[in-house]
Each structure stands twice: as structure tokens, then as C-alpha cells.
Amino acid sequence: MQFNCPLSTQKADRLISVIDLKANCKAVDIGCGEGAFLTRMQRVSSADCLGIDISSSCIAIANESTRQQRAGNRLQFLLANIQEVELERSYFDLAVCMGSTHAFGIAETAYPNALSRMKDLVKPNGLILIGEGYWKRIPEQAYLEFIGEPVGIYNTHEENIQVAESHGLIPLYALVSNQDEWDDFEWKHLTKAERLAISEPDIEEHKKMLERTRTWNKYYRKFGRSTMGFGFYLYRKPE
């Protein structure tokens, strides 16, 4: 599970190729997690890249990866809440948010808020890459009750693009996670929780995490696998 979303390395490389970031460009990844995607993109482009995440453990792993890559100041990670960070407007050539739109708001406000903030951060003709869930079909009530989110929090794949267009953004490219990528993502979460519980059986939090992950996996198999999709959308901010 290299990326904290259902994305394979092959599709990550495809997105990086389509973006075609240059060495003189600046990029920000909001909700970067352990920095796998940003690190991969920086290695290809040599651009100036900044990753922001609220998780101290993720940022620690990202910083260690930076030291190993020896990218120096061209790849940096910041432990912060994006709602509390002041970033220069129209400064970046690319803004990325992969599966972390919840950093910008709750429920149905998250995705449009993310689009608005990211649009503000990039230059005219700058790019926005955003990964977001969508409904493949109308979800069953039992699944909605389990995940605790109203149906309005997600759109269809096409509606995600239409929302971006309503914000004045120009769609350039889109792809979606396939079933293998989803299964790999969900099952690796479970594998990690199972192994952690075995390696440190006396830690109560690991037991609770395993119980939560097993339940989530059960509902994924029963409902989520046929209901939830995940899309990656590349938009351009017009001049």
C-alpha cells in the first residue's frame, strides 16, 4: 500500500507523465501522507515540492524518505493543518490532493472547498490534481449508516468533473481506480492491522484498530466493492 488511496504505481507514473512537471516548477501536495506520490514526482521532475500533512508519523516517514533520496531543499514536508497554513496565492504550478479533501471541510463541502483553495494556490494555467471518491451506484442504506456519511458527500464520476467546471476549472485528464487497485488497498489495510496486533499483542489500541479494520473490510466486501469508486482528476486553472 504505497499510496494512501487505491492507486497503483503504474497509474501514479501515468499521472506524473501527463502532468509533465518541469524542474523550474513548484508543487504542493496537501494531505500528502507519507509523501510517496510527491517523492515519486519530484524524482522524475526535479521540481520544488512541498508536502503538507497533519499526521506527525506520516511526516516523519516522509522526511526520512527525503534524506534517503537526497533531494535537499527541493523536497520538503511540513507538519500542519492546511486550514491554519498561509500559502502564497497564485504561487504554485501544481496543487495535489489525493484522497484528503476532508482537510478542507466536512461532508459535501469538502470537495468544492478543496477545489476553491487549490485554485487559489496555483498560477494562471496552473494544474490541480485531485483524487476523490464517487458513487458507482446508489448506495444501500445499511452501508450509508455504517460509514456515517450522507449520500450527498459523494457525486458520480461525471458530477465530480461538473463541480470542477462550475468552479471555472478546465478538465484535462481523468482516470479511475480499477477493482484490483481497490482490493489491494483495502486488503493491505487489513493485513497491516493483523500483523501489528500479532507483533505487539499487549497494546490495546492495536486490538481496537484490528477490530475496526476487520469490520470495515467486511462492509467493503459486502457493499463498498460494488458501490464506491475513486477518481483522479487533472484540471487547469484558466488565465
Protein backbone atom coordinates (compact mmCIF):
# COMPACT_ATOMS: atom_id res chain seq x y z
CA MET A 1 0.00 0.00 0.00
CA GLN A 2 2.39 2.67 -1.25
CA PHE A 3 -0.19 5.44 -1.60
CA ASN A 4 -2.99 6.19 0.84
CA CYS A 5 -5.61 5.71 -1.86
CA PRO A 6 -6.41 2.95 -4.40
CA LEU A 7 -3.63 3.89 -6.82
CA SER A 8 -1.10 1.57 -8.41
CA THR A 9 2.47 2.62 -9.18
CA GLN A 10 1.67 2.23 -12.89
CA LYS A 11 -1.19 4.73 -12.71
CA ALA A 12 0.83 7.05 -10.48
CA ASP A 13 3.51 7.12 -13.16
CA ARG A 14 0.87 7.75 -15.82
CA LEU A 15 -0.45 10.75 -13.89
CA ILE A 16 3.07 12.09 -13.36
CA SER A 17 3.75 11.71 -17.09
CA VAL A 18 0.56 13.56 -18.06
CA ILE A 19 1.30 16.39 -15.61
CA ASP A 20 4.82 16.72 -17.06
CA LEU A 21 6.14 18.93 -14.28
CA LYS A 22 9.38 20.75 -15.11
CA ALA A 23 12.44 21.44 -12.96
CA ASN A 24 11.61 25.14 -12.65
CA CYS A 25 8.10 24.42 -11.33
CA LYS A 26 6.70 24.48 -7.80
CA ALA A 27 4.22 21.93 -6.45
CA VAL A 28 2.31 21.44 -3.21
CA ASP A 29 0.68 18.19 -2.05
CA ILE A 30 -1.99 18.73 0.60
CA GLY A 31 -2.68 15.70 2.76
CA CYS A 32 0.50 14.14 1.38
CA GLY A 33 0.56 11.27 3.90
CA GLU A 34 3.98 9.59 3.86
CA GLY A 35 4.89 11.54 0.73
CA ALA A 36 5.09 8.61 -1.69
CA PHE A 37 3.42 10.34 -4.64
CA LEU A 38 5.18 13.67 -4.16
CA THR A 39 8.56 11.98 -3.73
CA ARG A 40 8.00 9.98 -6.89
CA MET A 41 7.02 13.10 -8.84
CA GLN A 42 9.97 15.11 -7.54
CA ARG A 43 12.38 12.36 -8.52
CA VAL A 44 11.11 12.50 -12.11
CA SER A 45 10.78 16.27 -12.44
CA SER A 46 13.38 17.77 -10.03
CA ALA A 47 10.75 20.43 -9.26
CA ASP A 48 10.45 22.26 -5.93
CA CYS A 49 7.90 20.23 -3.97
CA LEU A 50 6.20 20.84 -0.63
CA GLY A 51 4.10 18.22 1.16
CA ILE A 52 1.70 19.13 3.98
CA ASP A 53 0.01 16.71 6.37
CA ILE A 54 -1.50 16.80 9.85
CA SER A 55 -0.06 13.41 10.86
CA SER A 56 3.28 13.59 12.69
CA SER A 57 4.04 9.93 11.98
CA CYS A 58 3.44 10.40 8.25
CA ILE A 59 5.62 13.49 8.09
CA ALA A 60 8.39 11.71 9.98
CA ILE A 61 8.37 8.90 7.39
CA ALA A 62 8.26 11.43 4.55
CA ASN A 63 11.25 13.32 5.96
CA GLU A 64 13.24 10.10 6.29
CA SER A 65 12.44 9.31 2.66
CA THR A 66 13.69 12.78 1.71
CA ARG A 67 17.02 12.16 3.43
CA GLN A 68 17.41 8.88 1.60
CA GLN A 69 16.59 10.49 -1.74
CA ARG A 70 18.96 13.39 -1.08
CA ALA A 71 16.66 15.87 -2.76
CA GLY A 72 17.73 18.62 -0.38
CA ASN A 73 15.55 21.72 -0.20
CA ARG A 74 13.73 20.79 -3.39
CA LEU A 75 11.58 18.29 -1.48
CA GLN A 76 10.21 19.42 1.88
CA PHE A 77 7.46 18.26 4.21
CA LEU A 78 5.50 20.34 6.70
CA LEU A 79 3.53 19.10 9.69
CA ALA A 80 0.48 21.36 9.69
CA ASN A 81 -3.27 21.73 9.28
CA ILE A 82 -3.93 23.25 5.86
CA GLN A 83 -6.69 25.37 7.42
CA GLU A 84 -4.02 27.07 9.56
CA VAL A 85 -1.28 27.47 6.95
CA GLU A 86 -0.82 30.67 4.98
CA LEU A 87 0.45 29.90 1.50
CA GLU A 88 1.12 32.48 -1.18
CA ARG A 89 -1.70 32.86 -3.69
CA SER A 90 -1.03 32.02 -7.34
CA TYR A 91 2.40 30.70 -6.37
CA PHE A 92 2.36 27.03 -7.35
CA ASP A 93 2.37 25.43 -10.79
CA LEU A 94 0.65 22.35 -9.39
CA ALA A 95 -1.54 21.61 -6.36
CA VAL A 96 -2.25 17.99 -5.42
CA CYS A 97 -4.77 16.46 -3.01
CA MET A 98 -5.17 12.69 -3.22
CA GLY A 99 -7.95 11.33 -1.04
CA SER A 100 -7.61 14.14 1.51
CA THR A 101 -10.33 16.61 0.58
CA HIS A 102 -11.67 16.15 4.12
CA ALA A 103 -8.83 18.50 5.14
CA PHE A 104 -10.86 21.34 3.59
CA GLY A 105 -14.28 20.70 5.11
CA ILE A 106 -16.86 18.18 6.21
CA ALA A 107 -19.35 16.11 4.24
CA GLU A 108 -20.43 17.63 0.92
CA THR A 109 -18.39 20.84 1.46
CA ALA A 110 -15.02 19.04 1.34
CA TYR A 111 -14.58 18.56 -2.43
CA PRO A 112 -15.77 22.02 -3.56
CA ASN A 113 -13.79 23.69 -0.77
CA ALA A 114 -10.68 21.81 -1.88
CA LEU A 115 -11.18 22.94 -5.47
CA SER A 116 -11.58 26.58 -4.40
CA ARG A 117 -8.50 26.63 -2.17
CA MET A 118 -6.31 24.79 -4.65
CA LYS A 119 -7.45 27.06 -7.47
CA ASP A 120 -6.39 30.00 -5.32
CA LEU A 121 -2.93 28.49 -4.76
CA VAL A 122 -1.96 27.82 -8.38
CA LYS A 123 -0.88 30.27 -11.03
CA PRO A 124 -2.99 31.06 -14.10
CA ASN A 125 -2.69 27.96 -16.32
CA GLY A 126 -1.56 26.07 -13.22
CA LEU A 127 -2.71 22.49 -12.63
CA ILE A 128 -4.80 20.81 -9.95
CA LEU A 129 -4.66 17.04 -9.39
CA ILE A 130 -7.32 15.78 -7.04
CA GLY A 131 -8.27 12.25 -6.02
CA GLU A 132 -11.86 11.86 -4.83
CA GLY A 133 -14.39 9.13 -4.20
CA TYR A 134 -17.58 8.78 -6.19
CA TRP A 135 -20.66 6.55 -6.20
CA LYS A 136 -20.71 3.86 -8.87
CA ARG A 137 -24.34 3.23 -7.97
CA ILE A 138 -26.85 4.39 -5.38
CA PRO A 139 -25.52 3.13 -2.02
CA GLU A 140 -27.62 0.89 0.19
CA GLN A 141 -28.88 2.41 3.42
CA ALA A 142 -27.01 -0.12 5.58
CA TYR A 143 -23.72 0.98 4.00
CA LEU A 144 -24.51 4.67 4.49
CA GLU A 145 -25.36 4.07 8.13
CA PHE A 146 -22.11 2.21 8.65
CA ILE A 147 -19.79 4.80 7.10
CA GLY A 148 -21.75 7.59 8.80
CA GLU A 149 -21.87 9.86 5.79
CA PRO A 150 -24.89 11.25 3.95
CA VAL A 151 -25.35 10.33 0.32
CA GLY A 152 -24.62 13.94 -0.64
CA ILE A 153 -20.96 13.70 0.34
CA TYR A 154 -20.13 11.98 -2.96
CA ASN A 155 -21.10 12.64 -6.55
CA THR A 156 -20.95 10.39 -9.56
CA HIS A 157 -17.73 10.37 -11.56
CA GLU A 158 -19.23 12.76 -14.11
CA GLU A 159 -20.63 15.03 -11.38
CA ASN A 160 -17.16 15.37 -9.84
CA ILE A 161 -15.97 16.81 -13.14
CA GLN A 162 -19.02 19.06 -13.45
CA VAL A 163 -18.43 20.51 -9.97
CA ALA A 164 -14.88 21.43 -11.01
CA GLU A 165 -16.19 23.06 -14.18
CA SER A 166 -18.63 25.10 -12.09
CA HIS A 167 -15.56 26.45 -10.27
CA GLY A 168 -14.15 27.66 -13.57
CA LEU A 169 -11.64 24.83 -13.94
CA ILE A 170 -10.87 23.10 -17.24
CA PRO A 171 -10.76 19.27 -17.20
CA LEU A 172 -7.61 17.91 -18.83
CA TYR A 173 -7.46 14.25 -17.82
CA ALA A 174 -9.18 11.69 -15.61
CA LEU A 175 -8.81 8.05 -14.70
CA VAL A 176 -10.37 5.78 -12.10
CA SER A 177 -9.19 3.01 -9.79
CA ASN A 178 -9.90 -0.48 -11.04
CA GLN A 179 -11.09 -3.38 -8.90
CA ASP A 180 -7.61 -4.81 -8.37
CA GLU A 181 -6.37 -1.48 -7.05
CA TRP A 182 -9.33 -1.18 -4.68
CA ASP A 183 -8.90 -4.73 -3.40
CA ASP A 184 -5.17 -4.26 -2.91
CA PHE A 185 -5.77 -1.03 -0.99
CA GLU A 186 -8.44 -2.44 1.32
CA TRP A 187 -6.82 -5.82 1.98
CA LYS A 188 -3.42 -4.30 2.72
CA HIS A 189 -5.05 -2.16 5.42
CA LEU A 190 -6.32 -5.36 6.99
CA THR A 191 -3.01 -7.19 6.57
CA LYS A 192 -1.17 -4.34 8.28
CA ALA A 193 -3.61 -4.31 11.22
CA GLU A 194 -3.44 -8.09 11.62
CA ARG A 195 0.36 -8.13 11.66
CA LEU A 196 0.57 -5.20 14.06
CA ALA A 197 -1.78 -6.91 16.50
CA ILE A 198 0.33 -10.09 16.37
CA SER A 199 3.67 -8.32 16.78
CA GLU A 200 2.52 -6.21 19.74
CA PRO A 201 -0.40 -8.15 21.27
CA ASP A 202 -0.44 -6.26 24.58
CA ILE A 203 -1.16 -2.84 23.09
CA GLU A 204 -4.87 -2.15 23.46
CA GLU A 205 -5.03 0.39 20.65
CA HIS A 206 -3.75 -2.21 18.18
CA LYS A 207 -6.55 -4.55 19.25
CA LYS A 208 -9.12 -1.81 18.72
CA MET A 209 -7.63 -0.93 15.34
CA LEU A 210 -7.80 -4.54 14.25
CA GLU A 211 -11.46 -4.78 15.27
CA ARG A 212 -12.31 -1.59 13.36
CA THR A 213 -10.36 -2.72 10.29
CA ARG A 214 -11.97 -6.16 10.23
CA THR A 215 -15.43 -4.58 10.39
CA TRP A 216 -14.55 -2.07 7.66
CA ASN A 217 -13.27 -4.89 5.44
CA LYS A 218 -16.49 -6.82 5.96
CA TYR A 219 -18.59 -3.85 4.82
CA TYR A 220 -16.21 -3.20 1.93
CA ARG A 221 -16.73 -6.74 0.69
CA LYS A 222 -20.49 -6.61 1.14
CA PHE A 223 -21.23 -3.08 -0.04
CA GLY A 224 -18.26 -0.86 -0.86
CA ARG A 225 -16.71 -3.07 -3.53
CA SER A 226 -19.69 -2.61 -5.84
CA THR A 227 -20.66 0.88 -4.69
CA MET A 228 -17.65 3.12 -4.18
CA GLY A 229 -15.37 4.35 -6.95
CA PHE A 230 -12.31 6.55 -6.82
CA GLY A 231 -11.29 9.03 -9.49
CA PHE A 232 -8.17 11.06 -10.22
CA TYR A 233 -8.90 14.37 -11.91
CA LEU A 234 -6.48 16.80 -13.52
CA TYR A 235 -7.75 20.35 -14.04
CA ARG A 236 -6.24 23.56 -15.39
CA LYS A 237 -6.88 27.00 -13.94
CA PRO A 238 -7.54 29.36 -16.85
CA GLU A 239 -5.70 32.65 -17.28
